[in-house]
């Protein structure tokens, strides 16, 4: 698997950035947005934009190791889709992919 450049908004002092600005930042920096916040999928659907891709975790009480395992699986199976724009909803058992724009 390729190395990933990961940035957490908290590390940049941007944890209070409005959701719309987070989407703009992710799009500008060509990033994939990882979140548990359903608002990002809704904002993207309304915007009509194809990027950034969003991976939405719906995992309940998984620990970081479990989250990372699911993330690794999604990244390995959906790399090309993530580059062109998707929302991926990830649960403990499955993941569902929706191409952007919606």
PDB file of N, CA and C in Angstrom:
ATOM      1  N   UNK A   1       0.836  -1.173   0.000  1.00  0.00           N
ATOM      2  CA  UNK A   1       0.000   0.000   0.000  1.00  0.00           C
ATOM      3  C   UNK A   1       0.886   1.244   0.000  1.00  0.00           C
ATOM      4  N   UNK A   2       0.458   2.263  -0.710  1.00  0.00           N
ATOM      5  CA  UNK A   2       1.201   3.508  -0.792  1.00  0.00           C
ATOM      6  C   UNK A   2       1.152   4.266   0.522  1.00  0.00           C
ATOM      7  N   UNK A   3       2.195   5.035   0.787  1.00  0.00           N
ATOM      8  CA  UNK A   3       2.209   5.909   1.967  1.00  0.00           C
ATOM      9  C   UNK A   3       1.187   7.017   1.757  1.00  0.00           C
ATOM     10  N   UNK A   4       0.595   7.448   2.829  1.00  0.00           N
ATOM     11  CA  UNK A   4      -0.434   8.486   2.779  1.00  0.00           C
ATOM     12  C   UNK A   4       0.023   9.697   3.567  1.00  0.00           C
ATOM     13  N   UNK A   5      -0.283  10.872   3.052  1.00  0.00           N
ATOM     14  CA  UNK A   5      -0.064  12.124   3.749  1.00  0.00           C
ATOM     15  C   UNK A   5      -1.363  12.436   4.491  1.00  0.00           C
ATOM     16  N   UNK A   6      -1.345  12.333   5.804  1.00  0.00           N
ATOM     17  CA  UNK A   6      -2.546  12.502   6.614  1.00  0.00           C
ATOM     18  C   UNK A   6      -2.420  13.771   7.444  1.00  0.00           C
ATOM     19  N   UNK A   7      -3.485  14.560   7.447  1.00  0.00           N
ATOM     20  CA  UNK A   7      -3.518  15.801   8.219  1.00  0.00           C
ATOM     21  C   UNK A   7      -4.799  15.822   9.025  1.00  0.00           C
ATOM     22  N   UNK A   8      -4.678  16.101  10.319  1.00  0.00           N
ATOM     23  CA  UNK A   8      -5.854  16.247  11.173  1.00  0.00           C
ATOM     24  C   UNK A   8      -6.067  17.733  11.411  1.00  0.00           C
ATOM     25  N   UNK A   9      -7.298  18.183  11.262  1.00  0.00           N
ATOM     26  CA  UNK A   9      -7.583  19.608  11.451  1.00  0.00           C
ATOM     27  C   UNK A   9      -7.151  20.102  12.825  1.00  0.00           C
ATOM     28  N   UNK A  10      -7.279  19.258  13.830  1.00  0.00           N
ATOM     29  CA  UNK A  10      -6.879  19.642  15.187  1.00  0.00           C
ATOM     30  C   UNK A  10      -5.392  19.985  15.245  1.00  0.00           C
ATOM     31  N   UNK A  11      -4.575  19.235  14.512  1.00  0.00           N
ATOM     32  CA  UNK A  11      -3.133  19.492  14.488  1.00  0.00           C
ATOM     33  C   UNK A  11      -2.796  20.836  13.846  1.00  0.00           C
ATOM     34  N   UNK A  12      -3.707  21.347  13.036  1.00  0.00           N
ATOM     35  CA  UNK A  12      -3.501  22.640  12.379  1.00  0.00           C
ATOM     36  C   UNK A  12      -4.253  23.769  13.096  1.00  0.00           C
ATOM     37  N   UNK A  13      -4.882  23.448  14.230  1.00  0.00           N
ATOM     38  CA  UNK A  13      -5.649  24.444  14.966  1.00  0.00           C
ATOM     39  C   UNK A  13      -6.931  24.840  14.260  1.00  0.00           C
ATOM     40  N   UNK A  14      -7.458  23.970  13.416  1.00  0.00           N
ATOM     41  CA  UNK A  14      -8.633  24.287  12.603  1.00  0.00           C
ATOM     42  C   UNK A  14      -9.864  23.452  12.966  1.00  0.00           C
ATOM     43  N   UNK A  15      -9.909  22.888  14.157  1.00  0.00           N
ATOM     44  CA  UNK A  15     -11.010  22.005  14.530  1.00  0.00           C
ATOM     45  C   UNK A  15     -12.362  22.709  14.552  1.00  0.00           C
ATOM     46  N   UNK A  16     -12.399  24.021  14.605  1.00  0.00           N
ATOM     47  CA  UNK A  16     -13.661  24.767  14.609  1.00  0.00           C
ATOM     48  C   UNK A  16     -14.028  25.339  13.241  1.00  0.00           C
ATOM     49  N   UNK A  17     -13.289  24.959  12.223  1.00  0.00           N
ATOM     50  CA  UNK A  17     -13.550  25.419  10.867  1.00  0.00           C
ATOM     51  C   UNK A  17     -14.940  24.937  10.431  1.00  0.00           C
ATOM     52  N   UNK A  18     -15.764  25.819   9.846  1.00  0.00           N
ATOM     53  CA  UNK A  18     -17.094  25.390   9.379  1.00  0.00           C
ATOM     54  C   UNK A  18     -16.985  24.278   8.334  1.00  0.00           C
ATOM     55  N   UNK A  19     -17.984  23.399   8.300  1.00  0.00           N
ATOM     56  CA  UNK A  19     -17.969  22.250   7.390  1.00  0.00           C
ATOM     57  C   UNK A  19     -17.732  22.652   5.940  1.00  0.00           C
ATOM     58  N   UNK A  20     -18.379  23.725   5.485  1.00  0.00           N
ATOM     59  CA  UNK A  20     -18.208  24.165   4.102  1.00  0.00           C
ATOM     60  C   UNK A  20     -16.747  24.506   3.812  1.00  0.00           C
ATOM     61  N   UNK A  21     -16.076  25.134   4.767  1.00  0.00           N
ATOM     62  CA  UNK A  21     -14.666  25.501   4.577  1.00  0.00           C
ATOM     63  C   UNK A  21     -13.757  24.271   4.638  1.00  0.00           C
ATOM     64  N   UNK A  22     -14.148  23.282   5.414  1.00  0.00           N
ATOM     65  CA  UNK A  22     -13.389  22.029   5.449  1.00  0.00           C
ATOM     66  C   UNK A  22     -13.445  21.354   4.072  1.00  0.00           C
ATOM     67  N   UNK A  23     -14.626  21.337   3.467  1.00  0.00           N
ATOM     68  CA  UNK A  23     -14.757  20.765   2.121  1.00  0.00           C
ATOM     69  C   UNK A  23     -13.895  21.518   1.112  1.00  0.00           C
ATOM     70  N   UNK A  24     -13.893  22.838   1.187  1.00  0.00           N
ATOM     71  CA  UNK A  24     -13.080  23.641   0.277  1.00  0.00           C
ATOM     72  C   UNK A  24     -11.598  23.338   0.488  1.00  0.00           C
ATOM     73  N   UNK A  25     -11.180  23.253   1.745  1.00  0.00           N
ATOM     74  CA  UNK A  25      -9.780  22.950   2.067  1.00  0.00           C
ATOM     75  C   UNK A  25      -9.385  21.574   1.514  1.00  0.00           C
ATOM     76  N   UNK A  26     -10.229  20.579   1.731  1.00  0.00           N
ATOM     77  CA  UNK A  26      -9.943  19.227   1.238  1.00  0.00           C
ATOM     78  C   UNK A  26      -9.883  19.210  -0.286  1.00  0.00           C
ATOM     79  N   UNK A  27     -10.788  19.916  -0.940  1.00  0.00           N
ATOM     80  CA  UNK A  27     -10.800  19.976  -2.413  1.00  0.00           C
ATOM     81  C   UNK A  27      -9.534  20.662  -2.918  1.00  0.00           C
ATOM     82  N   UNK A  28      -9.178  21.787  -2.316  1.00  0.00           N
ATOM     83  CA  UNK A  28      -8.003  22.557  -2.736  1.00  0.00           C
ATOM     84  C   UNK A  28      -6.716  21.767  -2.548  1.00  0.00           C
ATOM     85  N   UNK A  29      -6.632  21.015  -1.449  1.00  0.00           N
ATOM     86  CA  UNK A  29      -5.425  20.244  -1.135  1.00  0.00           C
ATOM     87  C   UNK A  29      -5.454  18.840  -1.728  1.00  0.00           C
ATOM     88  N   UNK A  30      -6.501  18.524  -2.497  1.00  0.00           N
ATOM     89  CA  UNK A  30      -6.687  17.217  -3.128  1.00  0.00           C
ATOM     90  C   UNK A  30      -6.571  16.112  -2.084  1.00  0.00           C
ATOM     91  N   UNK A  31      -7.445  16.193  -1.100  1.00  0.00           N
ATOM     92  CA  UNK A  31      -7.463  15.221  -0.011  1.00  0.00           C
ATOM     93  C   UNK A  31      -8.758  14.426  -0.011  1.00  0.00           C
ATOM     94  N   UNK A  32      -8.734  13.319   0.682  1.00  0.00           N
ATOM     95  CA  UNK A  32      -9.925  12.525   0.970  1.00  0.00           C
ATOM     96  C   UNK A  32     -10.329  12.871   2.393  1.00  0.00           C
ATOM     97  N   UNK A  33     -11.582  13.184   2.591  1.00  0.00           N
ATOM     98  CA  UNK A  33     -12.073  13.564   3.908  1.00  0.00           C
ATOM     99  C   UNK A  33     -12.561  12.323   4.650  1.00  0.00           C
ATOM    100  N   UNK A  34     -11.995  12.068   5.830  1.00  0.00           N
ATOM    101  CA  UNK A  34     -12.413  10.957   6.685  1.00  0.00           C
ATOM    102  C   UNK A  34     -13.223  11.549   7.818  1.00  0.00           C
ATOM    103  N   UNK A  35     -14.429  11.021   8.061  1.00  0.00           N
ATOM    104  CA  UNK A  35     -15.303  11.643   9.046  1.00  0.00           C
ATOM    105  C   UNK A  35     -16.334  10.661   9.592  1.00  0.00           C
ATOM    106  N   UNK A  36     -16.942  11.053  10.700  1.00  0.00           N
ATOM    107  CA  UNK A  36     -18.121  10.369  11.232  1.00  0.00           C
ATOM    108  C   UNK A  36     -19.336  11.295  11.127  1.00  0.00           C
ATOM    109  N   UNK A  37     -19.141  12.486  10.577  1.00  0.00           N
ATOM    110  CA  UNK A  37     -20.159  13.529  10.492  1.00  0.00           C
ATOM    111  C   UNK A  37     -20.959  13.392   9.199  1.00  0.00           C
ATOM    112  N   UNK A  38     -22.248  13.101   9.324  1.00  0.00           N
ATOM    113  CA  UNK A  38     -23.117  12.927   8.164  1.00  0.00           C
ATOM    114  C   UNK A  38     -23.293  14.207   7.352  1.00  0.00           C
ATOM    115  N   UNK A  39     -23.044  15.350   7.953  1.00  0.00           N
ATOM    116  CA  UNK A  39     -23.236  16.630   7.265  1.00  0.00           C
ATOM    117  C   UNK A  39     -22.393  16.753   5.999  1.00  0.00           C
ATOM    118  N   UNK A  40     -21.209  16.184   5.994  1.00  0.00           N
ATOM    119  CA  UNK A  40     -20.332  16.336   4.832  1.00  0.00           C
ATOM    120  C   UNK A  40     -20.931  15.678   3.592  1.00  0.00           C
ATOM    121  N   UNK A  41     -21.505  14.510   3.732  1.00  0.00           N
ATOM    122  CA  UNK A  41     -22.138  13.839   2.592  1.00  0.00           C
ATOM    123  C   UNK A  41     -23.300  14.675   2.076  1.00  0.00           C
ATOM    124  N   UNK A  42     -24.087  15.223   2.975  1.00  0.00           N
ATOM    125  CA  UNK A  42     -25.228  16.048   2.574  1.00  0.00           C
ATOM    126  C   UNK A  42     -24.763  17.330   1.870  1.00  0.00           C
ATOM    127  N   UNK A  43     -23.755  17.992   2.418  1.00  0.00           N
ATOM    128  CA  UNK A  43     -23.233  19.210   1.798  1.00  0.00           C
ATOM    129  C   UNK A  43     -22.688  18.937   0.402  1.00  0.00           C
ATOM    130  N   UNK A  44     -21.998  17.821   0.239  1.00  0.00           N
ATOM    131  CA  UNK A  44     -21.473  17.464  -1.078  1.00  0.00           C
ATOM    132  C   UNK A  44     -22.598  17.176  -2.063  1.00  0.00           C
ATOM    133  N   UNK A  45     -23.613  16.472  -1.617  1.00  0.00           N
ATOM    134  CA  UNK A  45     -24.746  16.165  -2.493  1.00  0.00           C
ATOM    135  C   UNK A  45     -25.421  17.443  -2.979  1.00  0.00           C
ATOM    136  N   UNK A  46     -25.624  18.385  -2.085  1.00  0.00           N
ATOM    137  CA  UNK A  46     -26.277  19.650  -2.429  1.00  0.00           C
ATOM    138  C   UNK A  46     -25.393  20.505  -3.333  1.00  0.00           C
ATOM    139  N   UNK A  47     -24.069  20.442  -3.139  1.00  0.00           N
ATOM    140  CA  UNK A  47     -23.139  21.297  -3.892  1.00  0.00           C
ATOM    141  C   UNK A  47     -23.044  20.924  -5.366  1.00  0.00           C
ATOM    142  N   UNK A  48     -23.274  19.653  -5.694  1.00  0.00           N
ATOM    143  CA  UNK A  48     -23.104  19.200  -7.068  1.00  0.00           C
ATOM    144  C   UNK A  48     -21.647  18.996  -7.451  1.00  0.00           C
ATOM    145  N   UNK A  49     -20.736  19.124  -6.498  1.00  0.00           N
ATOM    146  CA  UNK A  49     -19.298  18.948  -6.750  1.00  0.00           C
ATOM    147  C   UNK A  49     -18.938  17.462  -6.784  1.00  0.00           C
ATOM    148  N   UNK A  50     -17.856  17.141  -7.485  1.00  0.00           N
ATOM    149  CA  UNK A  50     -17.386  15.755  -7.567  1.00  0.00           C
ATOM    150  C   UNK A  50     -16.283  15.457  -6.556  1.00  0.00           C
ATOM    151  N   UNK A  51     -15.699  16.483  -5.975  1.00  0.00           N
ATOM    152  CA  UNK A  51     -14.615  16.305  -5.011  1.00  0.00           C
ATOM    153  C   UNK A  51     -14.802  17.287  -3.872  1.00  0.00           C
ATOM    154  N   UNK A  52     -14.296  16.986  -2.702  1.00  0.00           N
ATOM    155  CA  UNK A  52     -13.436  15.863  -2.346  1.00  0.00           C
ATOM    156  C   UNK A  52     -14.244  14.592  -2.099  1.00  0.00           C
ATOM    157  N   UNK A  53     -13.591  13.466  -2.223  1.00  0.00           N
ATOM    158  CA  UNK A  53     -14.212  12.219  -1.813  1.00  0.00           C
ATOM    159  C   UNK A  53     -14.310  12.203  -0.296  1.00  0.00           C
ATOM    160  N   UNK A  54     -15.333  11.512   0.200  1.00  0.00           N
ATOM    161  CA  UNK A  54     -15.570  11.423   1.636  1.00  0.00           C
ATOM    162  C   UNK A  54     -15.703   9.957   2.022  1.00  0.00           C
ATOM    163  N   UNK A  55     -14.998   9.574   3.074  1.00  0.00           N
ATOM    164  CA  UNK A  55     -15.185   8.256   3.678  1.00  0.00           C
ATOM    165  C   UNK A  55     -15.868   8.505   5.011  1.00  0.00           C
ATOM    166  N   UNK A  56     -17.102   8.016   5.116  1.00  0.00           N
ATOM    167  CA  UNK A  56     -17.946   8.233   6.283  1.00  0.00           C
ATOM    168  C   UNK A  56     -17.977   6.955   7.117  1.00  0.00           C
ATOM    169  N   UNK A  57     -17.426   7.026   8.311  1.00  0.00           N
ATOM    170  CA  UNK A  57     -17.361   5.855   9.187  1.00  0.00           C
ATOM    171  C   UNK A  57     -18.605   5.763  10.052  1.00  0.00           C
ATOM    172  N   UNK A  58     -19.274   4.611   9.977  1.00  0.00           N
ATOM    173  CA  UNK A  58     -20.460   4.303  10.771  1.00  0.00           C
ATOM    174  C   UNK A  58     -20.176   2.993  11.514  1.00  0.00           C
ATOM    175  N   UNK A  59     -19.165   3.019  12.394  1.00  0.00           N
ATOM    176  CA  UNK A  59     -18.613   1.795  12.967  1.00  0.00           C
ATOM    177  C   UNK A  59     -18.991   1.524  14.418  1.00  0.00           C
ATOM    178  N   UNK A  60     -19.800   2.336  15.018  1.00  0.00           N
ATOM    179  CA  UNK A  60     -20.118   2.098  16.419  1.00  0.00           C
ATOM    180  C   UNK A  60     -18.916   2.349  17.297  1.00  0.00           C
ATOM    181  N   UNK A  61     -18.592   1.405  18.141  1.00  0.00           N
ATOM    182  CA  UNK A  61     -17.530   1.588  19.131  1.00  0.00           C
ATOM    183  C   UNK A  61     -16.218   0.912  18.749  1.00  0.00           C
ATOM    184  N   UNK A  62     -15.844   0.984  17.483  1.00  0.00           N
ATOM    185  CA  UNK A  62     -14.567   0.395  17.057  1.00  0.00           C
ATOM    186  C   UNK A  62     -13.396   1.180  17.634  1.00  0.00           C
ATOM    187  N   UNK A  63     -12.311   0.469  17.940  1.00  0.00           N
ATOM    188  CA  UNK A  63     -11.086   1.142  18.377  1.00  0.00           C
ATOM    189  C   UNK A  63     -10.289   1.574  17.142  1.00  0.00           C
ATOM    190  N   UNK A  64      -9.199   2.309  17.368  1.00  0.00           N
ATOM    191  CA  UNK A  64      -8.410   2.823  16.248  1.00  0.00           C
ATOM    192  C   UNK A  64      -7.889   1.718  15.346  1.00  0.00           C
ATOM    193  N   UNK A  65      -7.511   0.600  15.915  1.00  0.00           N
ATOM    194  CA  UNK A  65      -7.013  -0.508  15.099  1.00  0.00           C
ATOM    195  C   UNK A  65      -8.117  -1.006  14.161  1.00  0.00           C
ATOM    196  N   UNK A  66      -9.326  -1.151  14.682  1.00  0.00           N
ATOM    197  CA  UNK A  66     -10.447  -1.586  13.858  1.00  0.00           C
ATOM    198  C   UNK A  66     -10.778  -0.587  12.768  1.00  0.00           C
ATOM    199  N   UNK A  67     -10.741   0.686  13.099  1.00  0.00           N
ATOM    200  CA  UNK A  67     -10.989   1.737  12.104  1.00  0.00           C
ATOM    201  C   UNK A  67      -9.919   1.692  11.022  1.00  0.00           C
ATOM    202  N   UNK A  68      -8.659   1.581  11.425  1.00  0.00           N
ATOM    203  CA  UNK A  68      -7.568   1.533  10.453  1.00  0.00           C
ATOM    204  C   UNK A  68      -7.664   0.315   9.542  1.00  0.00           C
ATOM    205  N   UNK A  69      -8.097  -0.812  10.084  1.00  0.00           N
ATOM    206  CA  UNK A  69      -8.268  -2.012   9.261  1.00  0.00           C
ATOM    207  C   UNK A  69      -9.336  -1.787   8.204  1.00  0.00           C
ATOM    208  N   UNK A  70     -10.467  -1.202   8.607  1.00  0.00           N
ATOM    209  CA  UNK A  70     -11.542  -0.922   7.644  1.00  0.00           C
ATOM    210  C   UNK A  70     -11.083   0.107   6.608  1.00  0.00           C
ATOM    211  N   UNK A  71     -10.358   1.130   7.060  1.00  0.00           N
ATOM    212  CA  UNK A  71      -9.857   2.151   6.150  1.00  0.00           C
ATOM    213  C   UNK A  71      -8.909   1.543   5.128  1.00  0.00           C
ATOM    214  N   UNK A  72      -7.999   0.704   5.568  1.00  0.00           N
ATOM    215  CA  UNK A  72      -7.058   0.043   4.660  1.00  0.00           C
ATOM    216  C   UNK A  72      -7.802  -0.763   3.603  1.00  0.00           C
ATOM    217  N   UNK A  73      -8.835  -1.469   4.028  1.00  0.00           N
ATOM    218  CA  UNK A  73      -9.637  -2.269   3.101  1.00  0.00           C
ATOM    219  C   UNK A  73     -10.325  -1.382   2.059  1.00  0.00           C
ATOM    220  N   UNK A  74     -10.938  -0.296   2.512  1.00  0.00           N
ATOM    221  CA  UNK A  74     -11.626   0.611   1.595  1.00  0.00           C
ATOM    222  C   UNK A  74     -10.636   1.252   0.624  1.00  0.00           C
ATOM    223  N   UNK A  75      -9.511   1.723   1.130  1.00  0.00           N
ATOM    224  CA  UNK A  75      -8.518   2.356   0.258  1.00  0.00           C
ATOM    225  C   UNK A  75      -8.001   1.393  -0.805  1.00  0.00           C
ATOM    226  N   UNK A  76      -7.787   0.150  -0.423  1.00  0.00           N
ATOM    227  CA  UNK A  76      -7.245  -0.818  -1.384  1.00  0.00           C
ATOM    228  C   UNK A  76      -8.269  -1.194  -2.457  1.00  0.00           C
ATOM    229  N   UNK A  77      -9.541  -1.191  -2.116  1.00  0.00           N
ATOM    230  CA  UNK A  77     -10.574  -1.611  -3.064  1.00  0.00           C
ATOM    231  C   UNK A  77     -11.181  -0.461  -3.864  1.00  0.00           C
ATOM    232  N   UNK A  78     -11.009   0.772  -3.406  1.00  0.00           N
ATOM    233  CA  UNK A  78     -11.723   1.895  -4.014  1.00  0.00           C
ATOM    234  C   UNK A  78     -10.818   3.032  -4.466  1.00  0.00           C
ATOM    235  N   UNK A  79      -9.535   2.798  -4.625  1.00  0.00           N
ATOM    236  CA  UNK A  79      -8.585   3.869  -4.917  1.00  0.00           C
ATOM    237  C   UNK A  79      -8.993   4.697  -6.130  1.00  0.00           C
ATOM    238  N   UNK A  80      -9.317   4.060  -7.228  1.00  0.00           N
ATOM    239  CA  UNK A  80      -9.664   4.802  -8.443  1.00  0.00           C
ATOM    240  C   UNK A  80     -10.942   5.611  -8.244  1.00  0.00           C
ATOM    241  N   UNK A  81     -11.930   5.049  -7.588  1.00  0.00           N
ATOM    242  CA  UNK A  81     -13.172   5.780  -7.311  1.00  0.00           C
ATOM    243  C   UNK A  81     -12.908   6.994  -6.436  1.00  0.00           C
ATOM    244  N   UNK A  82     -12.049   6.845  -5.440  1.00  0.00           N
ATOM    245  CA  UNK A  82     -11.723   7.957  -4.542  1.00  0.00           C
ATOM    246  C   UNK A  82     -11.065   9.105  -5.295  1.00  0.00           C
ATOM    247  N   UNK A  83     -10.325   8.799  -6.339  1.00  0.00           N
ATOM    248  CA  UNK A  83      -9.661   9.838  -7.124  1.00  0.00           C
ATOM    249  C   UNK A  83     -10.639  10.631  -7.982  1.00  0.00           C
ATOM    250  N   UNK A  84     -11.753  10.012  -8.378  1.00  0.00           N
ATOM    251  CA  UNK A  84     -12.713  10.682  -9.258  1.00  0.00           C
ATOM    252  C   UNK A  84     -13.892  11.284  -8.507  1.00  0.00           C
ATOM    253  N   UNK A  85     -14.096  10.896  -7.249  1.00  0.00           N
ATOM    254  CA  UNK A  85     -15.139  11.490  -6.430  1.00  0.00           C
ATOM    255  C   UNK A  85     -16.241  10.530  -6.020  1.00  0.00           C
ATOM    256  N   UNK A  86     -16.236  10.169  -4.732  1.00  0.00           N
ATOM    257  CA  UNK A  86     -17.264   9.287  -4.170  1.00  0.00           C
ATOM    258  C   UNK A  86     -17.506   9.629  -2.707  1.00  0.00           C
ATOM    259  N   UNK A  87     -18.648   9.185  -2.229  1.00  0.00           N
ATOM    260  CA  UNK A  87     -18.907   9.131  -0.797  1.00  0.00           C
ATOM    261  C   UNK A  87     -18.983   7.648  -0.461  1.00  0.00           C
ATOM    262  N   UNK A  88     -18.171   7.212   0.485  1.00  0.00           N
ATOM    263  CA  UNK A  88     -18.175   5.810   0.893  1.00  0.00           C
ATOM    264  C   UNK A  88     -18.615   5.742   2.345  1.00  0.00           C
ATOM    265  N   UNK A  89     -19.703   5.037   2.572  1.00  0.00           N
ATOM    266  CA  UNK A  89     -20.216   4.826   3.919  1.00  0.00           C
ATOM    267  C   UNK A  89     -19.712   3.465   4.406  1.00  0.00           C
ATOM    268  N   UNK A  90     -18.959   3.479   5.510  1.00  0.00           N
ATOM    269  CA  UNK A  90     -18.285   2.276   5.996  1.00  0.00           C
ATOM    270  C   UNK A  90     -18.935   1.813   7.299  1.00  0.00           C
ATOM    271  N   UNK A  91     -19.415   0.570   7.310  1.00  0.00           N
ATOM    272  CA  UNK A  91     -19.925  -0.039   8.540  1.00  0.00           C
ATOM    273  C   UNK A  91     -18.974  -1.160   8.953  1.00  0.00           C
ATOM    274  N   UNK A  92     -19.298  -1.827  10.042  1.00  0.00           N
ATOM    275  CA  UNK A  92     -18.456  -2.931  10.515  1.00  0.00           C
ATOM    276  C   UNK A  92     -18.361  -4.068   9.500  1.00  0.00           C
ATOM    277  N   UNK A  93     -19.447  -4.316   8.764  1.00  0.00           N
ATOM    278  CA  UNK A  93     -19.489  -5.463   7.862  1.00  0.00           C
ATOM    279  C   UNK A  93     -19.272  -5.114   6.398  1.00  0.00           C
ATOM    280  N   UNK A  94     -19.719  -3.947   5.968  1.00  0.00           N
ATOM    281  CA  UNK A  94     -19.703  -3.614   4.550  1.00  0.00           C
ATOM    282  C   UNK A  94     -19.312  -2.157   4.341  1.00  0.00           C
ATOM    283  N   UNK A  95     -19.203  -1.786   3.079  1.00  0.00           N
ATOM    284  CA  UNK A  95     -19.142  -0.383   2.735  1.00  0.00           C
ATOM    285  C   UNK A  95     -19.945  -0.168   1.461  1.00  0.00           C
ATOM    286  N   UNK A  96     -20.538   1.024   1.375  1.00  0.00           N
ATOM    287  CA  UNK A  96     -21.392   1.376   0.250  1.00  0.00           C
ATOM    288  C   UNK A  96     -20.791   2.605  -0.418  1.00  0.00           C
ATOM    289  N   UNK A  97     -20.722   2.554  -1.731  1.00  0.00           N
ATOM    290  CA  UNK A  97     -20.074   3.598  -2.515  1.00  0.00           C
ATOM    291  C   UNK A  97     -21.128   4.347  -3.332  1.00  0.00           C
ATOM    292  N   UNK A  98     -21.065   5.673  -3.307  1.00  0.00           N
ATOM    293  CA  UNK A  98     -21.957   6.506  -4.121  1.00  0.00           C
ATOM    294  C   UNK A  98     -21.096   7.497  -4.891  1.00  0.00           C
ATOM    295  N   UNK A  99     -21.167   7.424  -6.219  1.00  0.00           N
ATOM    296  CA  UNK A  99     -20.343   8.298  -7.068  1.00  0.00           C
ATOM    297  C   UNK A  99     -20.846   9.727  -7.011  1.00  0.00           C
ATOM    298  N   UNK A 100     -19.894  10.663  -7.082  1.00  0.00           N
ATOM    299  CA  UNK A 100     -20.200  12.084  -7.124  1.00  0.00           C
ATOM    300  C   UNK A 100     -20.044  12.579  -8.558  1.00  0.00           C
ATOM    301  N   UNK A 101     -20.711  13.659  -8.952  1.00  0.00           N
ATOM    302  CA  UNK A 101     -21.702  14.377  -8.165  1.00  0.00           C
ATOM    303  C   UNK A 101     -23.014  13.605  -8.102  1.00  0.00           C
ATOM    304  N   UNK A 102     -23.773  13.918  -7.082  1.00  0.00           N
ATOM    305  CA  UNK A 102     -25.086  13.272  -6.884  1.00  0.00           C
ATOM    306  C   UNK A 102     -26.142  14.155  -7.508  1.00  0.00           C
TER     307      UNK A 102
END
